[in-house]
Amino acid sequence: MYTTVELVRGSSKLADEKAMSAADVEMYIKKAQARIDARLKKRYRVPLAEPVPDIIESIATDFAAGFAIEKYYSQRPGKEEPYLAEVLIKRAEADLAEVLEEHLLDGLPGVEFLPPPGPAPAVLARPAMQSTTPVRSEMTAALERW
């Protein structure tokens, strides 16, 4: 996992086990990791190997804390904590975009690039065959009218 239950609890201010169980927090961590991996998989081999880069740990913590706050406060009338959730999630999304745009993971230990795509299959590289029949069939003419 890219972050820990303790880091998410500290970031989300939901440190009390009664507020949210460790299993719930782990579910949000997995959700955060899935979002991160979905964005990173075009360039890097995911999931990232240990040790997880600090920036990815921070992004995963922000995502998971935001998800936890949204869920915990979703039934409450106040808007203060859901605003914090929105800030955390938006910050995580912005940081993840910057990681990809600036290639901030390149060269870090445990970060592997995906292999370059191979050549196109030979079947797709050849030109299509054309008919050698000198007279067009009636069926071809009928289909072209559609």
N, C-alpha and C. Protein backbone atom coordinates (compact mmCIF):
# COMPACT_ATOMS: atom_id res chain seq x y z
N MET A 1 0.84 -1.18 0.00
CA MET A 1 0.00 0.00 0.00
C MET A 1 0.89 1.24 0.00
N TYR A 2 0.36 2.30 -0.58
CA TYR A 2 1.14 3.52 -0.74
C TYR A 2 1.13 4.41 0.49
N THR A 3 0.26 4.16 1.45
CA THR A 3 0.21 4.93 2.68
C THR A 3 -0.24 4.01 3.81
N THR A 4 -0.36 4.56 5.00
CA THR A 4 -0.75 3.75 6.16
C THR A 4 -2.04 4.29 6.78
N VAL A 5 -2.67 3.44 7.56
CA VAL A 5 -3.89 3.83 8.26
C VAL A 5 -3.60 5.01 9.19
N GLU A 6 -2.45 4.98 9.86
CA GLU A 6 -2.10 6.03 10.81
C GLU A 6 -1.94 7.39 10.11
N LEU A 7 -1.28 7.39 8.96
CA LEU A 7 -1.10 8.66 8.23
C LEU A 7 -2.45 9.21 7.77
N VAL A 8 -3.33 8.34 7.30
CA VAL A 8 -4.64 8.80 6.85
C VAL A 8 -5.46 9.33 8.01
N ARG A 9 -5.42 8.62 9.12
CA ARG A 9 -6.16 9.08 10.31
C ARG A 9 -5.66 10.45 10.76
N GLY A 10 -4.35 10.65 10.76
CA GLY A 10 -3.79 11.94 11.17
C GLY A 10 -4.16 13.06 10.22
N SER A 11 -4.15 12.77 8.94
CA SER A 11 -4.47 13.78 7.94
C SER A 11 -5.96 14.11 7.90
N SER A 12 -6.79 13.12 8.20
CA SER A 12 -8.23 13.32 8.12
C SER A 12 -8.86 13.77 9.43
N LYS A 13 -8.08 13.79 10.50
CA LYS A 13 -8.57 14.15 11.83
C LYS A 13 -9.58 13.13 12.35
N LEU A 14 -9.56 11.93 11.81
CA LEU A 14 -10.45 10.85 12.28
C LEU A 14 -9.62 9.80 13.01
N ALA A 15 -8.89 10.25 14.02
CA ALA A 15 -7.98 9.36 14.73
C ALA A 15 -8.70 8.35 15.61
N ASP A 16 -9.91 8.62 15.98
CA ASP A 16 -10.67 7.75 16.87
C ASP A 16 -11.15 6.52 16.11
N GLU A 17 -10.87 5.35 16.63
CA GLU A 17 -11.30 4.09 16.02
C GLU A 17 -12.82 4.03 15.92
N LYS A 18 -13.53 4.70 16.83
CA LYS A 18 -14.99 4.70 16.79
C LYS A 18 -15.49 5.51 15.59
N ALA A 19 -14.74 6.54 15.19
CA ALA A 19 -15.16 7.37 14.06
C ALA A 19 -15.11 6.58 12.76
N MET A 20 -14.04 5.80 12.57
CA MET A 20 -13.90 5.01 11.35
C MET A 20 -12.95 3.85 11.62
N SER A 21 -13.39 2.65 11.29
CA SER A 21 -12.57 1.46 11.57
C SER A 21 -11.34 1.42 10.65
N ALA A 22 -10.36 0.65 11.08
CA ALA A 22 -9.15 0.49 10.28
C ALA A 22 -9.48 -0.16 8.93
N ALA A 23 -10.45 -1.06 8.91
CA ALA A 23 -10.85 -1.71 7.66
C ALA A 23 -11.43 -0.69 6.68
N ASP A 24 -12.21 0.26 7.20
CA ASP A 24 -12.75 1.32 6.34
C ASP A 24 -11.63 2.18 5.77
N VAL A 25 -10.68 2.54 6.61
CA VAL A 25 -9.56 3.38 6.15
C VAL A 25 -8.75 2.62 5.10
N GLU A 26 -8.53 1.33 5.31
CA GLU A 26 -7.79 0.53 4.32
C GLU A 26 -8.53 0.49 2.99
N MET A 27 -9.86 0.47 3.04
CA MET A 27 -10.65 0.50 1.81
C MET A 27 -10.39 1.81 1.04
N TYR A 28 -10.32 2.93 1.77
CA TYR A 28 -10.05 4.21 1.13
C TYR A 28 -8.62 4.29 0.61
N ILE A 29 -7.69 3.64 1.29
CA ILE A 29 -6.31 3.58 0.82
C ILE A 29 -6.25 2.82 -0.51
N LYS A 30 -6.97 1.71 -0.58
CA LYS A 30 -7.01 0.93 -1.83
C LYS A 30 -7.63 1.74 -2.96
N LYS A 31 -8.67 2.49 -2.64
CA LYS A 31 -9.31 3.35 -3.64
C LYS A 31 -8.33 4.42 -4.13
N ALA A 32 -7.58 5.00 -3.20
CA ALA A 32 -6.58 6.01 -3.57
C ALA A 32 -5.49 5.39 -4.45
N GLN A 33 -5.03 4.21 -4.08
CA GLN A 33 -3.99 3.55 -4.85
C GLN A 33 -4.49 3.20 -6.25
N ALA A 34 -5.74 2.80 -6.36
CA ALA A 34 -6.30 2.49 -7.68
C ALA A 34 -6.31 3.73 -8.56
N ARG A 35 -6.67 4.88 -7.99
CA ARG A 35 -6.66 6.13 -8.77
C ARG A 35 -5.24 6.48 -9.22
N ILE A 36 -4.31 6.35 -8.32
CA ILE A 36 -2.92 6.69 -8.63
C ILE A 36 -2.38 5.75 -9.70
N ASP A 37 -2.60 4.45 -9.53
CA ASP A 37 -2.10 3.46 -10.49
C ASP A 37 -2.72 3.66 -11.87
N ALA A 38 -3.99 4.03 -11.90
CA ALA A 38 -4.66 4.25 -13.19
C ALA A 38 -3.98 5.37 -13.97
N ARG A 39 -3.51 6.38 -13.27
CA ARG A 39 -2.83 7.50 -13.95
C ARG A 39 -1.37 7.17 -14.29
N LEU A 40 -0.71 6.42 -13.41
CA LEU A 40 0.72 6.14 -13.61
C LEU A 40 0.98 5.00 -14.60
N LYS A 41 0.00 4.15 -14.85
CA LYS A 41 0.25 2.93 -15.63
C LYS A 41 0.62 3.17 -17.08
N LYS A 42 0.39 4.36 -17.59
CA LYS A 42 0.77 4.64 -18.97
C LYS A 42 2.28 4.83 -19.12
N ARG A 43 2.95 5.14 -18.01
CA ARG A 43 4.38 5.43 -18.08
C ARG A 43 5.21 4.48 -17.20
N TYR A 44 4.65 4.06 -16.06
CA TYR A 44 5.41 3.29 -15.08
C TYR A 44 4.74 1.94 -14.82
N ARG A 45 5.56 1.00 -14.35
CA ARG A 45 5.04 -0.30 -13.93
C ARG A 45 4.40 -0.12 -12.55
N VAL A 46 3.13 -0.50 -12.46
CA VAL A 46 2.39 -0.36 -11.21
C VAL A 46 1.91 -1.72 -10.74
N PRO A 47 1.72 -1.92 -9.45
CA PRO A 47 1.95 -0.97 -8.37
C PRO A 47 3.45 -0.71 -8.18
N LEU A 48 3.75 0.47 -7.66
CA LEU A 48 5.13 0.85 -7.43
C LEU A 48 5.73 -0.04 -6.35
N ALA A 49 7.00 -0.34 -6.49
CA ALA A 49 7.70 -1.19 -5.53
C ALA A 49 8.05 -0.39 -4.28
N GLU A 50 8.27 -1.11 -3.20
CA GLU A 50 8.74 -0.50 -1.96
C GLU A 50 10.19 -0.09 -2.14
N PRO A 51 10.67 0.97 -1.59
CA PRO A 51 9.94 1.98 -0.85
C PRO A 51 9.16 2.90 -1.80
N VAL A 52 7.95 3.21 -1.42
CA VAL A 52 7.11 4.09 -2.22
C VAL A 52 7.68 5.50 -2.13
N PRO A 53 7.82 6.19 -3.25
CA PRO A 53 8.33 7.57 -3.21
C PRO A 53 7.47 8.45 -2.30
N ASP A 54 8.12 9.37 -1.62
CA ASP A 54 7.43 10.23 -0.65
C ASP A 54 6.26 10.99 -1.27
N ILE A 55 6.42 11.46 -2.50
CA ILE A 55 5.35 12.23 -3.12
C ILE A 55 4.12 11.35 -3.37
N ILE A 56 4.33 10.10 -3.71
CA ILE A 56 3.20 9.18 -3.93
C ILE A 56 2.53 8.85 -2.60
N GLU A 57 3.32 8.69 -1.54
CA GLU A 57 2.75 8.46 -0.22
C GLU A 57 1.88 9.65 0.20
N SER A 58 2.37 10.86 -0.06
CA SER A 58 1.62 12.06 0.27
C SER A 58 0.32 12.15 -0.53
N ILE A 59 0.39 11.85 -1.82
CA ILE A 59 -0.80 11.89 -2.67
C ILE A 59 -1.82 10.84 -2.22
N ALA A 60 -1.35 9.64 -1.93
CA ALA A 60 -2.25 8.57 -1.48
C ALA A 60 -2.90 8.93 -0.15
N THR A 61 -2.13 9.55 0.75
CA THR A 61 -2.67 9.96 2.04
C THR A 61 -3.75 11.02 1.87
N ASP A 62 -3.50 12.00 1.01
CA ASP A 62 -4.49 13.04 0.77
C ASP A 62 -5.77 12.47 0.15
N PHE A 63 -5.61 11.62 -0.85
CA PHE A 63 -6.79 11.00 -1.46
C PHE A 63 -7.60 10.22 -0.43
N ALA A 64 -6.93 9.32 0.30
CA ALA A 64 -7.63 8.45 1.25
C ALA A 64 -8.26 9.26 2.38
N ALA A 65 -7.57 10.28 2.87
CA ALA A 65 -8.14 11.13 3.92
C ALA A 65 -9.35 11.88 3.41
N GLY A 66 -9.28 12.37 2.18
CA GLY A 66 -10.43 13.06 1.59
C GLY A 66 -11.63 12.13 1.45
N PHE A 67 -11.39 10.90 0.99
CA PHE A 67 -12.48 9.94 0.86
C PHE A 67 -13.08 9.61 2.22
N ALA A 68 -12.23 9.45 3.24
CA ALA A 68 -12.71 9.12 4.59
C ALA A 68 -13.55 10.26 5.16
N ILE A 69 -13.08 11.48 4.99
CA ILE A 69 -13.83 12.64 5.50
C ILE A 69 -15.17 12.75 4.79
N GLU A 70 -15.18 12.60 3.48
CA GLU A 70 -16.44 12.66 2.74
C GLU A 70 -17.45 11.65 3.27
N LYS A 71 -17.00 10.43 3.49
CA LYS A 71 -17.91 9.39 3.97
C LYS A 71 -18.38 9.67 5.40
N TYR A 72 -17.45 10.03 6.26
CA TYR A 72 -17.79 10.23 7.67
C TYR A 72 -18.76 11.39 7.86
N TYR A 73 -18.55 12.47 7.14
CA TYR A 73 -19.37 13.66 7.33
C TYR A 73 -20.51 13.79 6.32
N SER A 74 -20.73 12.77 5.51
CA SER A 74 -21.75 12.88 4.46
C SER A 74 -23.17 13.02 5.02
N GLN A 75 -23.41 12.55 6.23
CA GLN A 75 -24.75 12.64 6.82
C GLN A 75 -24.89 13.83 7.78
N ARG A 76 -23.86 14.64 7.90
CA ARG A 76 -23.90 15.76 8.85
C ARG A 76 -24.25 17.06 8.15
N PRO A 77 -24.92 17.99 8.84
CA PRO A 77 -25.33 19.23 8.21
C PRO A 77 -24.20 20.23 7.97
N GLY A 78 -23.12 20.20 8.76
CA GLY A 78 -22.03 21.17 8.62
C GLY A 78 -21.25 20.98 7.34
N LYS A 79 -20.66 22.04 6.84
CA LYS A 79 -19.91 22.00 5.58
C LYS A 79 -18.40 22.12 5.78
N GLU A 80 -17.93 22.29 7.01
CA GLU A 80 -16.51 22.53 7.23
C GLU A 80 -15.66 21.32 6.84
N GLU A 81 -16.00 20.15 7.31
CA GLU A 81 -15.18 18.98 7.04
C GLU A 81 -15.28 18.51 5.58
N PRO A 82 -16.47 18.52 4.96
CA PRO A 82 -16.50 18.17 3.54
C PRO A 82 -15.66 19.12 2.69
N TYR A 83 -15.55 20.38 3.11
CA TYR A 83 -14.68 21.32 2.39
C TYR A 83 -13.23 20.86 2.49
N LEU A 84 -12.82 20.39 3.68
CA LEU A 84 -11.47 19.86 3.85
C LEU A 84 -11.27 18.65 2.94
N ALA A 85 -12.27 17.81 2.82
CA ALA A 85 -12.17 16.64 1.93
C ALA A 85 -11.94 17.10 0.50
N GLU A 86 -12.68 18.10 0.07
CA GLU A 86 -12.55 18.61 -1.29
C GLU A 86 -11.15 19.18 -1.52
N VAL A 87 -10.63 19.90 -0.53
CA VAL A 87 -9.28 20.48 -0.64
C VAL A 87 -8.24 19.37 -0.76
N LEU A 88 -8.36 18.33 0.07
CA LEU A 88 -7.39 17.24 0.04
C LEU A 88 -7.41 16.50 -1.29
N ILE A 89 -8.60 16.22 -1.80
CA ILE A 89 -8.72 15.48 -3.06
C ILE A 89 -8.20 16.32 -4.22
N LYS A 90 -8.54 17.59 -4.25
CA LYS A 90 -8.06 18.46 -5.34
C LYS A 90 -6.54 18.61 -5.28
N ARG A 91 -5.99 18.72 -4.07
CA ARG A 91 -4.53 18.83 -3.95
C ARG A 91 -3.87 17.55 -4.44
N ALA A 92 -4.43 16.40 -4.09
CA ALA A 92 -3.87 15.13 -4.53
C ALA A 92 -3.92 15.02 -6.05
N GLU A 93 -5.04 15.41 -6.66
CA GLU A 93 -5.16 15.36 -8.12
C GLU A 93 -4.15 16.29 -8.79
N ALA A 94 -3.97 17.49 -8.24
CA ALA A 94 -3.00 18.43 -8.81
C ALA A 94 -1.57 17.90 -8.67
N ASP A 95 -1.26 17.36 -7.50
CA ASP A 95 0.09 16.80 -7.29
C ASP A 95 0.36 15.63 -8.23
N LEU A 96 -0.65 14.77 -8.43
CA LEU A 96 -0.47 13.63 -9.32
C LEU A 96 -0.27 14.08 -10.76
N ALA A 97 -1.02 15.10 -11.17
CA ALA A 97 -0.85 15.65 -12.51
C ALA A 97 0.57 16.21 -12.68
N GLU A 98 1.07 16.90 -11.66
CA GLU A 98 2.42 17.46 -11.73
C GLU A 98 3.48 16.35 -11.78
N VAL A 99 3.27 15.28 -11.03
CA VAL A 99 4.20 14.15 -11.06
C VAL A 99 4.31 13.61 -12.48
N LEU A 100 3.19 13.51 -13.16
CA LEU A 100 3.21 12.98 -14.53
C LEU A 100 3.77 13.99 -15.54
N GLU A 101 3.38 15.24 -15.41
CA GLU A 101 3.85 16.26 -16.35
C GLU A 101 5.34 16.52 -16.24
N GLU A 102 5.83 16.54 -15.02
CA GLU A 102 7.24 16.87 -14.78
C GLU A 102 8.14 15.63 -14.66
N HIS A 103 7.56 14.44 -14.79
CA HIS A 103 8.30 13.17 -14.70
C HIS A 103 9.08 13.08 -13.39
N LEU A 104 8.43 13.41 -12.30
CA LEU A 104 9.10 13.49 -11.00
C LEU A 104 9.52 12.13 -10.44
N LEU A 105 8.98 11.05 -10.98
CA LEU A 105 9.35 9.72 -10.47
C LEU A 105 10.54 9.13 -11.22
N ASP A 106 10.90 9.72 -12.34
CA ASP A 106 12.00 9.18 -13.15
C ASP A 106 13.28 9.11 -12.33
N GLY A 107 13.90 7.94 -12.34
CA GLY A 107 15.18 7.75 -11.67
C GLY A 107 15.10 7.43 -10.20
N LEU A 108 13.90 7.43 -9.61
CA LEU A 108 13.79 7.10 -8.19
C LEU A 108 13.90 5.59 -8.00
N PRO A 109 14.45 5.16 -6.85
CA PRO A 109 14.59 3.72 -6.61
C PRO A 109 13.22 3.03 -6.60
N GLY A 110 13.16 1.87 -7.24
CA GLY A 110 11.93 1.08 -7.26
C GLY A 110 10.94 1.49 -8.32
N VAL A 111 11.22 2.56 -9.06
CA VAL A 111 10.30 3.03 -10.11
C VAL A 111 10.81 2.51 -11.44
N GLU A 112 9.97 1.70 -12.10
CA GLU A 112 10.34 1.11 -13.38
C GLU A 112 9.46 1.66 -14.48
N PHE A 113 10.08 1.93 -15.62
CA PHE A 113 9.32 2.36 -16.80
C PHE A 113 8.68 1.14 -17.43
N LEU A 114 7.58 1.37 -18.11
CA LEU A 114 6.99 0.32 -18.92
C LEU A 114 7.87 0.11 -20.14
N PRO A 115 7.96 -1.13 -20.64
CA PRO A 115 8.74 -1.33 -21.86
C PRO A 115 8.05 -0.61 -23.03
N PRO A 116 8.85 -0.15 -23.99
CA PRO A 116 8.23 0.53 -25.14
C PRO A 116 7.35 -0.44 -25.91
N PRO A 117 6.31 0.07 -26.55
CA PRO A 117 5.45 -0.83 -27.31
C PRO A 117 6.21 -1.46 -28.46
N GLY A 118 5.88 -2.71 -28.74
CA GLY A 118 6.55 -3.44 -29.82
C GLY A 118 6.07 -2.98 -31.18
N PRO A 119 6.63 -3.56 -32.22
CA PRO A 119 6.21 -3.17 -33.57
C PRO A 119 4.78 -3.62 -33.83
N ALA A 120 4.16 -2.99 -34.78
CA ALA A 120 2.79 -3.35 -35.14
C ALA A 120 2.77 -4.75 -35.72
N PRO A 121 1.74 -5.51 -35.45
CA PRO A 121 1.66 -6.85 -36.03
C PRO A 121 1.71 -6.78 -37.55
N ALA A 122 2.31 -7.79 -38.16
CA ALA A 122 2.48 -7.80 -39.61
C ALA A 122 1.14 -7.76 -40.34
N VAL A 123 0.12 -8.32 -39.74
CA VAL A 123 -1.19 -8.34 -40.38
C VAL A 123 -1.71 -6.92 -40.57
N LEU A 124 -1.47 -6.07 -39.60
CA LEU A 124 -1.94 -4.69 -39.69
C LEU A 124 -1.05 -3.84 -40.59
N ALA A 125 0.17 -4.25 -40.81
CA ALA A 125 1.11 -3.45 -41.58
C ALA A 125 0.96 -3.66 -43.09
N ARG A 126 0.38 -4.79 -43.51
CA ARG A 126 0.23 -5.08 -44.95
C ARG A 126 -0.98 -4.36 -45.53
N PRO A 127 -0.90 -3.97 -46.79
CA PRO A 127 -2.09 -3.37 -47.42
C PRO A 127 -3.15 -4.45 -47.62
N ALA A 128 -4.39 -4.02 -47.63
CA ALA A 128 -5.50 -4.95 -47.83
C ALA A 128 -5.52 -5.41 -49.28
N MET A 129 -6.00 -6.61 -49.47
CA MET A 129 -6.12 -7.14 -50.83
C MET A 129 -7.35 -6.56 -51.51
N GLN A 130 -7.26 -6.37 -52.80
CA GLN A 130 -8.39 -5.88 -53.55
C GLN A 130 -8.89 -6.97 -54.48
N SER A 131 -10.11 -6.81 -54.90
CA SER A 131 -10.73 -7.79 -55.78
C SER A 131 -10.12 -7.73 -57.17
N THR A 132 -10.00 -8.89 -57.78
CA THR A 132 -9.51 -8.96 -59.15
C THR A 132 -10.64 -9.14 -60.15
N THR A 133 -11.87 -9.19 -59.65
CA THR A 133 -13.03 -9.36 -60.52
C THR A 133 -13.26 -8.06 -61.30
N PRO A 134 -13.32 -8.13 -62.63
CA PRO A 134 -13.46 -6.91 -63.42
C PRO A 134 -14.84 -6.27 -63.31
N VAL A 135 -15.87 -7.04 -63.02
CA VAL A 135 -17.23 -6.51 -62.96
C VAL A 135 -17.68 -6.50 -61.50
N ARG A 136 -18.19 -5.38 -61.05
CA ARG A 136 -18.66 -5.29 -59.66
C ARG A 136 -19.91 -6.14 -59.50
N SER A 137 -20.05 -6.73 -58.36
CA SER A 137 -21.25 -7.54 -58.11
C SER A 137 -22.44 -6.65 -57.79
N GLU A 138 -23.63 -7.17 -58.01
CA GLU A 138 -24.84 -6.44 -57.72
C GLU A 138 -24.98 -6.19 -56.20
N MET A 139 -24.48 -7.11 -55.43
CA MET A 139 -24.55 -6.99 -53.97
C MET A 139 -23.72 -5.79 -53.49
N THR A 140 -22.55 -5.60 -54.04
CA THR A 140 -21.71 -4.46 -53.66
C THR A 140 -22.41 -3.16 -53.97
N ALA A 141 -23.01 -3.07 -55.13
CA ALA A 141 -23.73 -1.85 -55.51
C ALA A 141 -24.91 -1.60 -54.58
N ALA A 142 -25.62 -2.67 -54.20
CA ALA A 142 -26.78 -2.53 -53.29
C ALA A 142 -26.33 -2.07 -51.91
N LEU A 143 -25.21 -2.60 -51.44
CA LEU A 143 -24.71 -2.21 -50.12
C LEU A 143 -24.22 -0.78 -50.08
N GLU A 144 -23.65 -0.31 -51.17
CA GLU A 144 -23.16 1.05 -51.22
C GLU A 144 -24.29 2.08 -51.20
N ARG A 145 -25.48 1.69 -51.64
CA ARG A 145 -26.62 2.59 -51.64
C ARG A 145 -27.14 2.84 -50.23
N TRP A 146 -26.86 1.97 -49.33
CA TRP A 146 -27.33 2.13 -47.95
C TRP A 146 -26.58 3.25 -47.35
